[in-house]
């Protein structure tokens, strides 16, 4: 009896493997028809996510460049000092 039980323990995975090989030509095309649209949707979502990320980074860089230009202008204005106030014309 132990010999039969040991044979079933060894034979079961082998039988499952043989069954999988026999069913593969039937199951794989059907599975491919279902899986392909899912993979395409995943890739599409990834591309859209990457595009949105690039847009956000571009907007952030533009804002940072604007701030940098404003600070540079302020530093230049501080170096020049206050603008001289206009002197009233002297009357003769």
Protein backbone atom coordinates (compact mmCIF):
# COMPACT_ATOMS: atom_id res chain seq x y z
CA UNK A 1 0.00 0.00 0.00
CA UNK A 2 2.86 2.38 0.78
CA UNK A 3 4.26 1.78 -2.70
CA UNK A 4 0.99 2.96 -4.29
CA UNK A 5 0.85 6.06 -2.06
CA UNK A 6 4.46 6.93 -2.90
CA UNK A 7 3.68 6.43 -6.59
CA UNK A 8 0.76 8.84 -6.37
CA UNK A 9 2.92 11.42 -4.61
CA UNK A 10 5.48 11.26 -7.40
CA UNK A 11 3.03 10.72 -10.27
CA UNK A 12 0.61 13.55 -9.49
CA UNK A 13 2.95 16.41 -10.48
CA UNK A 14 3.96 14.49 -13.57
CA UNK A 15 0.32 14.01 -14.58
CA UNK A 16 -0.39 17.69 -13.97
CA UNK A 17 2.57 18.63 -16.18
CA UNK A 18 1.42 16.33 -18.97
CA UNK A 19 -2.11 17.73 -18.73
CA UNK A 20 -0.78 21.26 -18.92
CA UNK A 21 1.24 20.41 -22.02
CA UNK A 22 -1.81 18.88 -23.69
CA UNK A 23 -4.09 21.81 -22.84
CA UNK A 24 -1.56 24.57 -23.60
CA UNK A 25 -2.36 24.86 -27.33
CA UNK A 26 -6.03 25.37 -26.47
CA UNK A 27 -5.71 27.53 -23.35
CA UNK A 28 -2.85 29.88 -24.33
CA UNK A 29 -4.53 31.52 -27.35
CA UNK A 30 -7.69 32.11 -25.32
CA UNK A 31 -5.65 33.48 -22.41
CA UNK A 32 -3.66 35.64 -24.83
CA UNK A 33 -6.87 37.19 -26.11
CA UNK A 34 -7.78 38.18 -22.57
CA UNK A 35 -4.32 39.17 -21.34
CA UNK A 36 -3.28 41.30 -24.33
CA UNK A 37 -5.86 44.06 -23.74
CA UNK A 38 -4.91 44.13 -20.07
CA UNK A 39 -1.23 44.54 -20.93
CA UNK A 40 -2.04 47.25 -23.49
CA UNK A 41 -4.13 49.13 -20.91
CA UNK A 42 -1.31 48.88 -18.38
CA UNK A 43 1.26 50.20 -20.86
CA UNK A 44 -1.08 53.01 -21.91
CA UNK A 45 -1.63 54.03 -18.29
CA UNK A 46 2.11 54.00 -17.70
CA UNK A 47 2.74 56.23 -20.71
CA UNK A 48 0.02 58.68 -19.66
CA UNK A 49 1.42 58.74 -16.11
CA UNK A 50 4.92 59.47 -17.43
CA UNK A 51 3.62 62.25 -19.69
CA UNK A 52 1.74 63.87 -16.79
CA UNK A 53 4.88 63.63 -14.67
CA UNK A 54 6.93 65.37 -17.36
CA UNK A 55 4.33 68.16 -17.55
CA UNK A 56 4.39 68.67 -13.78
CA UNK A 57 8.18 68.78 -13.72
CA UNK A 58 8.19 71.23 -16.62
CA UNK A 59 5.75 73.53 -14.79
CA UNK A 60 7.83 73.34 -11.61
CA UNK A 61 11.01 74.18 -13.53
CA UNK A 62 9.32 77.15 -15.19
CA UNK A 63 8.20 78.49 -11.80
CA UNK A 64 11.70 78.04 -10.39
CA UNK A 65 13.21 79.87 -13.37
CA UNK A 66 10.75 82.75 -12.87
CA UNK A 67 11.65 83.01 -9.19
CA UNK A 68 15.36 82.89 -10.02
CA UNK A 69 14.98 85.72 -12.55
CA UNK A 70 13.09 87.85 -10.01
CA UNK A 71 15.76 87.32 -7.36
CA UNK A 72 18.55 88.19 -9.81
CA UNK A 73 16.73 91.39 -10.77
CA UNK A 74 16.34 92.32 -7.10
CA UNK A 75 20.05 91.67 -6.43
CA UNK A 76 21.06 93.87 -9.37
CA UNK A 77 18.74 96.63 -8.16
CA UNK A 78 20.22 96.41 -4.63
CA UNK A 79 23.79 96.66 -5.97
CA UNK A 80 22.97 99.83 -7.91
CA UNK A 81 21.53 101.45 -4.82
CA UNK A 82 18.45 103.57 -4.60
CA UNK A 83 17.56 105.53 -7.67
CA UNK A 84 18.41 109.24 -7.27
CA UNK A 85 15.38 111.39 -6.75
CA UNK A 86 14.89 114.05 -9.40
CA UNK A 87 16.09 117.52 -8.38
CA UNK A 88 13.72 120.41 -8.90
CA UNK A 89 14.95 122.85 -11.48
CA UNK A 90 16.48 125.95 -9.98
CA UNK A 91 14.57 129.07 -10.81
CA UNK A 92 16.69 132.08 -12.03
